[in-house]
Amino acid sequence: MARVFSDDFPLSDDFTPVQNGGTVYQDTGKRLRSGSESTTGNLKIGFTPNNEDEYALSYYRTEGRKDSAPYAGSADTVRYWDWPQWDKESLYYVGHTRFGQGYVKTRLFYDHFENALNSYDDNTYSSVTKGYAFRSQYDDHSIGGSLEAGVQLDNHLVKTALQIKHDEHKERDLDKDNAAVDQSWRTYRGHTYSLGLEDRIQLSPQADLTLGYRHDIYELTLTDDGDPANDPQGSQEKDNFQIKTSYDLGAHHLFAGVSLKSRFPNLKDLFSYRLGQAIPNVNLQAEQAIHYEIGSQGAFENLKYQANLFYSDIEDAIESVTVASTACGGTTCLQNQNVGKASAKGVELRLNYPLGKQWDASVNYAYLQRDLADKALVPTYSPEHTARASLDWYPQSKWNFGVDWRYQSDSETNTNGSRPVDAFSLWDLRAHYDITKQFSADVVLKNAFDTDYEIAEGDPMPGRTLWANLHARF
């Protein structure tokens, strides 16, 4: 059980207020309307009748609310929202049964998400009367499962899997302060089916080859929102495959592979209004990409590493683009669209090195270059360089002190290039202490140098913050 609540978080002392149409919507000090509260509980029951079979049932529930901080930049409309309800409930079952040289693995899940969103007239957050103001309620369900079976046949490990998922999104408007509205539910439903087959072949004690195929079907079955333009357009079907191989060379594990993978748009991609900033696109098609990867992991004495190169050739890439529309209260809206071809290439590197018996250092670095065929569009949320580094000190068995560093190069929030985000680097300091076998404590000084930074333009993140907690295990 956990109870979490927070007030408005402090901004960096280096934060500079920005004028938007002659008005400053976010001043120095605390981030406006950035609080939240939640109560969370989870329960897990497991059964292991023998050394090979296991069954587990998990239940999770959280009830809470969230404030929504107003936009603090100069390139967008400022709205005043909050989520007075943010409740989620999940039930999961996982089972694994051994049959001779084979096995069967089952997974079942049910997710239920209820939330409410209010859009207010102004920064008093007290009235809902204007054209852009509203009260909305949402009710989402997702249910599904998978059945996987595998058997060892000589040097072949053959697997097959069936996956089924049903999604339902319901929403409705509630009465405004000055008018009654149609409170009937608008319902959207979709189904996803996947059937796959995989064969892992042990070519030698050092080498293996894996061949895989999967067929996916996505069908939008219901869109009763009253707009004929959003009626279901039929199902989408995609074929996927993978070929990968690996080879053990002493302390090094070499691997390479090529795969064709698809990503269907979900109900949120198709119909989300993004808090009044976007319009639906029922004609959105699946992304499909061919991925190439080669790499190695292993150790040079005490230095552990993993390095890999990758390249992706993408068809029908999905991006959020700016379109002319008055539906969002201005002259433009955002809309998810297939923007044609795209590519992504890069490198990932992970290093870990123990500095004696009491010190440990690690470094992660990633380079990513995304390109869209339409050069008028800019990839969003895609910094070219990201890096992390950590240094840990273990003076005693009960104590752990650490320093974490994070770097992210500049990126873009909007595909039209109008909302850039500057590069930033952050430092965190942390300490952990095991009080007893049942109790432990953590203290973290986040953003120790009080850096002013953003992940998305117009949304400044917390400055220097002290965080502490106490863990109890029974």
Protein backbone atom coordinates (compact mmCIF):
# COMPACT_ATOMS: atom_id res chain seq x y z
CA MET A 1 0.00 0.00 0.00
CA ALA A 2 1.32 3.45 -0.87
CA ARG A 3 -0.05 6.94 -0.32
CA VAL A 4 1.60 9.69 -2.38
CA PHE A 5 0.71 13.36 -2.52
CA SER A 6 2.63 16.40 -3.70
CA ASP A 7 2.11 20.14 -3.90
CA ASP A 8 3.42 22.38 -6.65
CA PHE A 9 7.11 21.60 -7.26
CA PRO A 10 9.80 24.32 -7.25
CA LEU A 11 11.27 25.59 -10.50
CA SER A 12 14.97 26.27 -10.93
CA ASP A 13 16.18 29.66 -9.76
CA ASP A 14 17.49 30.07 -13.35
CA PHE A 15 14.00 29.82 -14.84
CA THR A 16 13.10 32.92 -16.87
CA PRO A 17 9.39 33.70 -17.33
CA VAL A 18 8.22 33.89 -20.96
CA GLN A 19 5.63 36.27 -22.38
CA ASN A 20 2.86 34.73 -24.46
CA GLY A 21 0.79 37.37 -26.24
CA GLY A 22 1.93 39.97 -23.72
CA THR A 23 1.02 37.81 -20.71
CA VAL A 24 3.27 35.79 -18.40
CA TYR A 25 1.42 32.60 -17.46
CA GLN A 26 4.22 31.05 -15.36
CA ASP A 27 6.26 33.24 -13.01
CA THR A 28 9.34 32.27 -11.00
CA GLY A 29 9.03 30.13 -7.88
CA LYS A 30 6.73 27.12 -7.87
CA ARG A 31 5.32 25.42 -10.97
CA LEU A 32 1.65 26.30 -11.05
CA ARG A 33 -0.87 23.49 -10.72
CA SER A 34 1.71 20.68 -10.62
CA GLY A 35 0.41 18.75 -7.63
CA SER A 36 -1.08 15.27 -7.46
CA GLU A 37 -2.19 12.61 -4.98
CA SER A 38 -2.80 8.88 -5.20
CA THR A 39 -3.46 5.82 -3.09
CA THR A 40 -2.09 2.57 -4.52
CA GLY A 41 -2.34 -1.03 -3.42
CA ASN A 42 -1.28 -4.32 -4.99
CA LEU A 43 -1.55 -7.98 -4.09
CA LYS A 44 0.23 -10.97 -5.62
CA ILE A 45 -0.49 -14.64 -4.95
CA GLY A 46 1.74 -17.38 -6.31
CA PHE A 47 1.65 -21.19 -6.41
CA THR A 48 4.65 -23.41 -7.29
CA PRO A 49 3.59 -27.07 -7.06
CA ASN A 50 7.05 -28.24 -8.19
CA ASN A 51 10.41 -26.94 -9.45
CA GLU A 52 9.17 -26.41 -13.02
CA ASP A 53 5.57 -25.20 -12.80
CA GLU A 54 4.41 -21.88 -11.42
CA TYR A 55 1.22 -19.83 -11.35
CA ALA A 56 0.72 -16.24 -10.19
CA LEU A 57 -2.25 -13.89 -9.85
CA SER A 58 -1.68 -10.14 -9.36
CA TYR A 59 -4.12 -7.35 -8.54
CA TYR A 60 -3.32 -3.64 -8.70
CA ARG A 61 -5.44 -0.57 -7.98
CA THR A 62 -4.71 3.13 -7.72
CA GLU A 63 -7.07 6.02 -7.00
CA GLY A 64 -5.93 9.58 -7.42
CA ARG A 65 -6.14 12.98 -9.04
CA LYS A 66 -3.74 15.19 -10.98
CA ASP A 67 -3.33 18.88 -11.60
CA SER A 68 -2.20 20.08 -15.03
CA ALA A 69 0.35 22.88 -15.17
CA PRO A 70 -0.45 25.59 -17.77
CA TYR A 71 1.72 25.99 -20.85
CA ALA A 72 4.66 28.27 -20.03
CA GLY A 73 6.08 28.99 -23.50
CA SER A 74 5.27 31.45 -26.27
CA ALA A 75 4.25 29.23 -29.19
CA ASP A 76 0.90 27.76 -28.15
CA THR A 77 -2.50 28.48 -26.62
CA VAL A 78 -2.74 28.37 -22.82
CA ARG A 79 -5.49 26.17 -21.38
CA TYR A 80 -6.50 25.45 -17.77
CA TRP A 81 -7.11 21.77 -17.00
CA ASP A 82 -7.06 19.25 -14.20
CA TRP A 83 -7.90 15.57 -13.69
CA PRO A 84 -10.18 15.30 -10.62
CA GLN A 85 -10.24 11.52 -11.11
CA TRP A 86 -7.36 9.22 -12.15
CA ASP A 87 -8.19 5.62 -11.21
CA LYS A 88 -6.66 2.44 -12.60
CA GLU A 89 -7.34 -1.23 -11.84
CA SER A 90 -5.46 -4.24 -13.24
CA LEU A 91 -5.70 -8.01 -12.86
CA TYR A 92 -2.99 -10.31 -14.27
CA TYR A 93 -2.55 -14.06 -14.40
CA VAL A 94 0.64 -15.86 -15.51
CA GLY A 95 1.05 -19.64 -15.63
CA HIS A 96 3.85 -21.95 -16.75
CA THR A 97 3.37 -25.72 -17.07
CA ARG A 98 6.01 -28.25 -18.17
CA PHE A 99 5.01 -31.23 -20.35
CA GLY A 100 7.96 -33.58 -20.93
CA GLN A 101 10.25 -31.76 -23.40
CA GLY A 102 7.73 -28.98 -23.89
CA TYR A 103 5.90 -26.31 -21.96
CA VAL A 104 2.78 -24.14 -22.07
CA LYS A 105 2.76 -20.55 -20.84
CA THR A 106 -0.50 -18.65 -20.35
CA ARG A 107 -1.06 -14.94 -19.72
CA LEU A 108 -4.39 -13.25 -19.04
CA PHE A 109 -4.98 -9.60 -18.17
CA TYR A 110 -7.70 -7.06 -17.53
CA ASP A 111 -7.10 -3.30 -17.27
CA HIS A 112 -9.72 -0.73 -16.32
CA PHE A 113 -8.93 2.99 -16.42
CA GLU A 114 -11.41 5.66 -15.29
CA ASN A 115 -10.58 9.34 -15.34
CA ALA A 116 -12.19 12.74 -15.64
CA LEU A 117 -10.84 15.89 -17.27
CA ASN A 118 -12.03 19.44 -16.63
CA SER A 119 -11.17 22.44 -18.81
CA TYR A 120 -11.83 25.77 -17.06
CA ASP A 121 -12.54 29.32 -18.25
CA ASP A 122 -9.45 30.93 -16.74
CA ASN A 123 -6.67 30.59 -14.16
CA THR A 124 -9.12 30.65 -11.23
CA TYR A 125 -10.11 27.05 -12.11
CA SER A 126 -13.60 27.78 -10.79
CA SER A 127 -16.02 27.99 -13.74
CA VAL A 128 -16.83 26.04 -16.90
CA THR A 129 -18.87 28.31 -19.20
CA LYS A 130 -16.81 29.33 -22.25
CA GLY A 131 -16.79 27.54 -25.60
CA TYR A 132 -13.44 25.82 -25.00
CA ALA A 133 -14.30 24.85 -21.41
CA PHE A 134 -15.76 21.43 -20.63
CA ARG A 135 -16.13 18.58 -18.19
CA SER A 136 -15.39 15.13 -19.63
CA GLN A 137 -15.45 11.61 -18.27
CA TYR A 138 -13.57 8.59 -19.64
CA ASP A 139 -13.92 4.84 -19.12
CA ASP A 140 -11.37 2.51 -20.77
CA HIS A 141 -11.20 -1.29 -20.73
CA SER A 142 -8.57 -3.63 -22.11
CA ILE A 143 -8.80 -7.40 -21.84
CA GLY A 144 -6.80 -10.15 -23.48
CA GLY A 145 -4.25 -12.85 -23.15
CA SER A 146 -1.76 -15.09 -24.85
CA LEU A 147 -1.06 -18.80 -25.12
CA GLU A 148 2.52 -19.87 -25.84
CA ALA A 149 3.72 -23.44 -26.35
CA GLY A 150 7.22 -24.71 -26.96
CA VAL A 151 8.95 -28.05 -27.42
CA GLN A 152 12.58 -29.17 -27.74
CA LEU A 153 13.09 -31.33 -30.86
CA ASP A 154 16.75 -32.35 -31.10
CA ASN A 155 18.60 -29.07 -31.67
CA HIS A 156 15.40 -27.11 -32.40
CA LEU A 157 13.40 -25.19 -29.80
CA VAL A 158 10.08 -24.62 -31.58
CA LYS A 159 7.58 -22.12 -30.18
CA THR A 160 4.14 -20.95 -31.24
CA ALA A 161 2.06 -18.19 -29.68
CA LEU A 162 -1.45 -16.79 -30.03
CA GLN A 163 -2.31 -13.33 -28.68
CA ILE A 164 -5.72 -11.66 -28.48
CA LYS A 165 -6.50 -8.18 -27.17
CA HIS A 166 -9.77 -6.23 -26.98
CA ASP A 167 -9.74 -2.46 -26.30
CA GLU A 168 -12.69 -0.23 -25.53
CA HIS A 169 -12.63 3.53 -24.98
CA LYS A 170 -15.72 5.39 -23.74
CA GLU A 171 -16.07 9.13 -23.20
CA ARG A 172 -18.81 11.63 -22.56
CA ASP A 173 -19.31 15.30 -21.74
CA LEU A 174 -20.90 16.44 -18.47
CA ASP A 175 -22.99 19.56 -17.89
CA LYS A 176 -21.28 22.96 -17.97
CA ASP A 177 -22.04 25.63 -15.39
CA ASN A 178 -24.24 27.57 -17.80
CA ALA A 179 -25.65 24.84 -20.03
CA ALA A 180 -26.77 21.23 -20.12
CA VAL A 181 -25.04 19.01 -22.68
CA ASP A 182 -25.62 15.61 -24.23
CA GLN A 183 -24.24 13.20 -21.63
CA SER A 184 -24.51 10.05 -23.74
CA TRP A 185 -21.39 7.88 -24.01
CA ARG A 186 -19.33 7.76 -27.21
CA THR A 187 -17.72 4.33 -27.58
CA TYR A 188 -14.74 3.14 -29.61
CA ARG A 189 -13.71 -0.52 -29.87
CA GLY A 190 -10.84 -2.35 -31.49
CA HIS A 191 -9.42 -5.89 -31.57
CA THR A 192 -5.88 -7.14 -32.15
CA TYR A 193 -4.97 -10.73 -33.05
CA SER A 194 -1.49 -12.19 -33.50
CA LEU A 195 -0.30 -15.69 -34.39
CA GLY A 196 3.42 -16.43 -34.42
CA LEU A 197 5.90 -19.26 -34.91
CA GLU A 198 9.58 -19.35 -33.90
CA ASP A 199 12.38 -21.89 -34.31
CA ARG A 200 15.63 -21.50 -32.41
CA ILE A 201 18.27 -23.78 -33.92
CA GLN A 202 21.39 -24.68 -31.94
CA LEU A 203 23.94 -24.90 -34.78
CA SER A 204 26.83 -25.69 -32.43
CA PRO A 205 27.71 -25.22 -28.75
CA GLN A 206 28.75 -21.65 -29.64
CA ALA A 207 26.27 -20.65 -32.37
CA ASP A 208 22.51 -20.46 -32.78
CA LEU A 209 20.05 -19.23 -35.40
CA THR A 210 16.49 -18.03 -34.72
CA LEU A 211 13.79 -17.81 -37.39
CA GLY A 212 10.42 -16.27 -36.60
CA TYR A 213 7.16 -15.26 -38.29
CA ARG A 214 4.04 -13.50 -36.96
CA HIS A 215 0.80 -12.42 -38.61
CA ASP A 216 -1.06 -9.49 -37.01
CA ILE A 217 -4.64 -8.33 -37.55
CA TYR A 218 -6.12 -5.10 -36.19
CA GLU A 219 -9.79 -4.33 -36.59
CA LEU A 220 -11.62 -1.18 -35.55
CA THR A 221 -15.14 -2.45 -34.85
CA LEU A 222 -17.12 0.44 -33.34
CA THR A 223 -17.01 4.26 -33.43
CA ASP A 224 -20.41 5.51 -32.32
CA ASP A 225 -19.44 9.19 -31.98
CA GLY A 226 -22.05 10.45 -34.47
CA ASP A 227 -19.49 11.42 -37.13
CA PRO A 228 -19.79 9.26 -40.29
CA ALA A 229 -16.22 10.26 -41.21
CA ASN A 230 -15.02 8.22 -38.23
CA ASP A 231 -16.85 5.01 -39.15
CA PRO A 232 -14.65 1.84 -39.12
CA GLN A 233 -12.70 1.42 -42.33
CA GLY A 234 -12.13 -2.35 -42.12
CA SER A 235 -9.26 -4.37 -40.74
CA GLN A 236 -5.52 -4.01 -41.24
CA GLU A 237 -3.25 -7.05 -41.61
CA LYS A 238 0.55 -7.20 -41.50
CA ASP A 239 3.20 -9.92 -41.78
CA ASN A 240 6.28 -9.81 -39.56
CA PHE A 241 9.47 -11.86 -39.51
CA GLN A 242 12.82 -12.04 -37.80
CA ILE A 243 16.16 -13.70 -38.53
CA LYS A 244 18.83 -13.44 -35.88
CA THR A 245 22.00 -15.28 -35.00
CA SER A 246 24.56 -15.26 -32.21
CA TYR A 247 28.01 -16.70 -31.61
CA ASP A 248 29.99 -17.07 -28.37
CA LEU A 249 33.64 -16.16 -28.82
CA GLY A 250 35.34 -16.66 -25.48
CA ALA A 251 34.05 -13.96 -23.11
CA HIS A 252 32.20 -12.21 -25.94
CA HIS A 253 28.69 -12.85 -27.25
CA LEU A 254 28.31 -11.64 -30.87
CA PHE A 255 24.84 -11.14 -32.33
CA ALA A 256 23.16 -9.86 -35.51
CA GLY A 257 19.68 -9.81 -36.91
CA VAL A 258 17.13 -8.42 -39.33
CA SER A 259 13.40 -8.16 -38.67
CA LEU A 260 10.23 -6.77 -40.22
CA LYS A 261 7.90 -5.37 -37.53
CA SER A 262 4.58 -3.56 -37.60
CA ARG A 263 2.92 -1.12 -35.20
CA PHE A 264 -0.82 -0.63 -35.49
CA PRO A 265 -2.26 2.71 -34.33
CA ASN A 266 -4.17 2.23 -31.08
CA LEU A 267 -7.43 3.95 -30.12
CA LYS A 268 -5.53 6.86 -28.59
CA ASP A 269 -3.53 7.37 -31.80
CA LEU A 270 -6.73 7.31 -33.85
CA PHE A 271 -9.16 9.34 -31.76
CA SER A 272 -7.45 11.23 -28.95
CA TYR A 273 -8.25 14.95 -28.94
CA ARG A 274 -5.13 15.53 -26.77
CA LEU A 275 -6.92 17.76 -24.32
CA GLY A 276 -8.53 19.81 -27.08
CA GLN A 277 -5.37 20.24 -29.14
CA ALA A 278 -5.88 17.51 -31.79
CA ILE A 279 -8.42 15.99 -34.16
CA PRO A 280 -8.99 12.28 -34.99
CA ASN A 281 -7.72 10.40 -38.05
CA VAL A 282 -9.62 7.15 -38.59
CA ASN A 283 -7.60 6.50 -41.79
CA LEU A 284 -4.31 6.18 -39.91
CA GLN A 285 -2.43 3.11 -41.15
CA ALA A 286 0.11 0.89 -39.42
CA GLU A 287 3.79 1.70 -39.38
CA GLN A 288 6.03 -1.04 -40.75
CA ALA A 289 9.81 -1.11 -40.45
CA ILE A 290 12.74 -3.31 -41.37
CA HIS A 291 15.27 -3.28 -38.51
CA TYR A 292 18.93 -4.24 -38.87
CA GLU A 293 21.15 -4.76 -35.82
CA ILE A 294 24.64 -6.03 -35.09
CA GLY A 295 26.51 -5.99 -31.81
CA SER A 296 28.48 -7.66 -29.07
CA GLN A 297 28.38 -8.01 -25.30
CA GLY A 298 30.86 -9.48 -22.89
CA ALA A 299 33.86 -8.50 -20.82
CA PHE A 300 37.48 -7.44 -21.06
CA GLU A 301 38.66 -8.71 -17.68
CA ASN A 302 36.67 -6.55 -15.19
CA LEU A 303 35.17 -4.25 -17.81
CA LYS A 304 31.69 -5.42 -18.84
CA TYR A 305 30.25 -3.96 -22.04
CA GLN A 306 27.50 -4.10 -24.63
CA ALA A 307 27.67 -2.30 -27.98
CA ASN A 308 25.31 -2.45 -30.93
CA LEU A 309 24.65 -0.65 -34.20
CA PHE A 310 21.14 -0.41 -35.66
CA TYR A 311 19.30 0.92 -38.69
CA SER A 312 15.55 1.05 -39.32
CA ASP A 313 13.83 1.66 -42.66
CA ILE A 314 10.25 2.75 -41.88
CA GLU A 315 7.16 2.85 -44.11
CA ASP A 316 4.06 4.93 -43.27
CA ALA A 317 5.74 6.56 -40.28
CA ILE A 318 3.27 8.07 -37.78
CA GLU A 319 3.90 11.65 -36.61
CA SER A 320 1.75 14.36 -35.04
CA VAL A 321 1.56 17.19 -37.59
CA THR A 322 0.00 20.67 -37.58
CA VAL A 323 -3.07 21.06 -39.82
CA ALA A 324 -5.41 23.95 -40.55
CA SER A 325 -8.55 23.60 -38.40
CA THR A 326 -10.73 25.69 -36.09
CA ALA A 327 -11.80 22.64 -34.04
CA CYS A 328 -9.19 23.31 -31.35
CA GLY A 329 -10.15 26.92 -30.60
CA GLY A 330 -7.61 28.55 -32.95
CA THR A 331 -6.57 28.24 -36.58
CA THR A 332 -4.61 24.97 -36.31
CA CYS A 333 -4.84 21.54 -34.69
CA LEU A 334 -2.52 18.58 -34.29
CA GLN A 335 -3.35 15.32 -36.08
CA ASN A 336 -1.60 11.95 -36.25
CA GLN A 337 -0.77 11.23 -39.88
CA ASN A 338 1.25 8.75 -41.93
CA VAL A 339 4.06 10.98 -43.20
CA GLY A 340 5.66 8.47 -45.58
CA LYS A 341 9.12 7.03 -45.36
CA ALA A 342 11.42 7.56 -42.39
CA SER A 343 14.65 6.12 -41.11
CA ALA A 344 16.42 5.76 -37.79
CA LYS A 345 20.03 4.81 -37.25
CA GLY A 346 22.36 4.89 -34.34
CA VAL A 347 24.58 3.20 -31.81
CA GLU A 348 24.16 2.14 -28.18
CA LEU A 349 26.98 1.55 -25.72
CA ARG A 350 26.94 0.33 -22.10
CA LEU A 351 30.00 -0.01 -19.86
CA ASN A 352 30.37 -1.16 -16.27
CA TYR A 353 33.62 -1.26 -14.33
CA PRO A 354 34.24 -2.01 -10.63
CA LEU A 355 36.79 0.36 -9.09
CA GLY A 356 38.04 -1.89 -6.33
CA LYS A 357 35.80 -3.60 -3.76
CA GLN A 358 33.87 -0.48 -2.71
CA TRP A 359 33.39 1.48 -5.94
CA ASP A 360 31.44 0.78 -9.13
CA ALA A 361 31.12 2.94 -12.26
CA SER A 362 28.80 2.64 -15.26
CA VAL A 363 28.26 4.63 -18.46
CA ASN A 364 25.44 4.43 -21.04
CA TYR A 365 25.48 6.33 -24.34
CA ALA A 366 23.11 6.36 -27.31
CA TYR A 367 23.25 8.13 -30.64
CA LEU A 368 20.04 8.34 -32.69
CA GLN A 369 19.49 10.05 -36.01
CA ARG A 370 15.91 10.10 -37.28
CA ASP A 371 15.05 11.39 -40.76
CA LEU A 372 11.67 11.90 -42.43
CA ALA A 373 11.28 11.74 -46.20
CA ASP A 374 9.21 14.94 -46.05
CA LYS A 375 11.97 17.44 -45.25
CA ALA A 376 9.37 20.03 -44.23
CA LEU A 377 8.72 17.93 -41.10
CA VAL A 378 11.03 17.56 -38.11
CA PRO A 379 11.12 14.37 -35.99
CA THR A 380 9.77 15.08 -32.50
CA TYR A 381 11.18 14.06 -29.10
CA SER A 382 14.29 12.62 -30.76
CA PRO A 383 17.52 13.97 -29.23
CA GLU A 384 20.55 12.76 -31.18
CA HIS A 385 22.69 12.23 -28.08
CA THR A 386 21.70 10.82 -24.69
CA ALA A 387 24.09 9.70 -22.01
CA ARG A 388 24.01 8.50 -18.41
CA ALA A 389 26.78 7.83 -15.92
CA SER A 390 26.73 6.57 -12.34
CA LEU A 391 29.33 6.22 -9.60
CA ASP A 392 28.49 4.08 -6.54
CA TRP A 393 30.36 3.78 -3.25
CA TYR A 394 29.74 0.92 -0.79
CA PRO A 395 31.67 1.84 2.38
CA GLN A 396 29.81 -0.83 4.39
CA SER A 397 27.34 -3.59 3.63
CA LYS A 398 24.41 -1.44 4.83
CA TRP A 399 25.41 1.80 3.09
CA ASN A 400 25.37 2.86 -0.56
CA PHE A 401 26.15 6.38 -1.81
CA GLY A 402 25.83 7.36 -5.46
CA VAL A 403 26.16 10.13 -8.02
CA ASP A 404 24.12 10.04 -11.25
CA TRP A 405 24.61 12.20 -14.34
CA ARG A 406 22.28 12.51 -17.31
CA TYR A 407 22.71 14.38 -20.60
CA GLN A 408 20.27 14.98 -23.46
CA SER A 409 20.98 17.01 -26.59
CA ASP A 410 18.47 19.43 -28.11
CA SER A 411 15.22 18.16 -29.62
CA GLU A 412 11.95 19.38 -31.11
CA THR A 413 8.39 19.31 -29.73
CA ASN A 414 6.46 20.05 -32.94
CA THR A 415 6.94 18.62 -36.44
CA ASN A 416 6.91 22.15 -37.92
CA GLY A 417 10.08 23.02 -36.00
CA SER A 418 8.46 25.85 -34.02
CA ARG A 419 9.01 24.51 -30.48
CA PRO A 420 12.65 23.50 -29.89
CA VAL A 421 14.03 22.23 -26.58
CA ASP A 422 17.60 23.03 -25.52
CA ALA A 423 20.12 20.43 -24.45
CA PHE A 424 20.58 19.86 -20.71
CA SER A 425 22.58 17.86 -18.19
CA LEU A 426 21.49 16.90 -14.67
CA TRP A 427 23.21 15.63 -11.52
CA ASP A 428 21.55 13.61 -8.74
CA LEU A 429 23.01 12.60 -5.36
CA ARG A 430 21.60 9.62 -3.47
CA ALA A 431 22.10 7.55 -0.32
CA HIS A 432 20.65 4.19 0.75
CA TYR A 433 20.76 2.61 4.21
CA ASP A 434 19.53 -0.82 5.33
CA ILE A 435 18.24 -0.15 8.84
CA THR A 436 17.25 -3.77 9.50
CA LYS A 437 16.26 -6.74 7.36
CA GLN A 438 12.75 -5.31 7.18
CA PHE A 439 13.40 -1.56 6.96
CA SER A 440 15.53 0.58 4.63
CA ALA A 441 15.73 4.30 3.81
CA ASP A 442 16.58 6.32 0.69
CA VAL A 443 17.46 10.00 0.31
CA VAL A 444 17.93 11.61 -3.11
CA LEU A 445 18.88 15.18 -4.01
CA LYS A 446 17.55 15.46 -7.56
CA ASN A 447 18.84 18.09 -9.95
CA ALA A 448 21.53 19.00 -7.43
CA PHE A 449 22.80 22.01 -9.43
CA ASP A 450 19.29 23.42 -9.91
CA THR A 451 19.41 23.27 -13.71
CA ASP A 452 16.57 24.87 -15.67
CA TYR A 453 15.45 22.35 -18.32
CA GLU A 454 12.49 21.05 -20.34
CA ILE A 455 11.53 17.74 -21.94
CA ALA A 456 8.82 19.45 -24.03
CA GLU A 457 8.86 23.14 -24.93
CA GLY A 458 6.75 25.21 -22.55
CA ASP A 459 6.84 22.68 -19.73
CA PRO A 460 9.68 23.55 -17.31
CA MET A 461 10.76 20.68 -15.07
CA PRO A 462 11.54 20.67 -11.31
CA GLY A 463 14.60 22.47 -9.97
CA ARG A 464 16.59 21.19 -6.98
CA THR A 465 14.39 18.75 -5.05
CA LEU A 466 15.02 16.63 -1.96
CA TRP A 467 13.26 13.29 -1.92
CA ALA A 468 13.22 10.69 0.88
CA ASN A 469 11.35 7.50 1.67
CA LEU A 470 11.23 4.59 4.08
CA HIS A 471 10.70 1.00 2.89
CA ALA A 472 9.15 -1.72 5.02
CA ARG A 473 9.16 -5.39 4.03
CA PHE A 474 7.25 -8.09 5.89
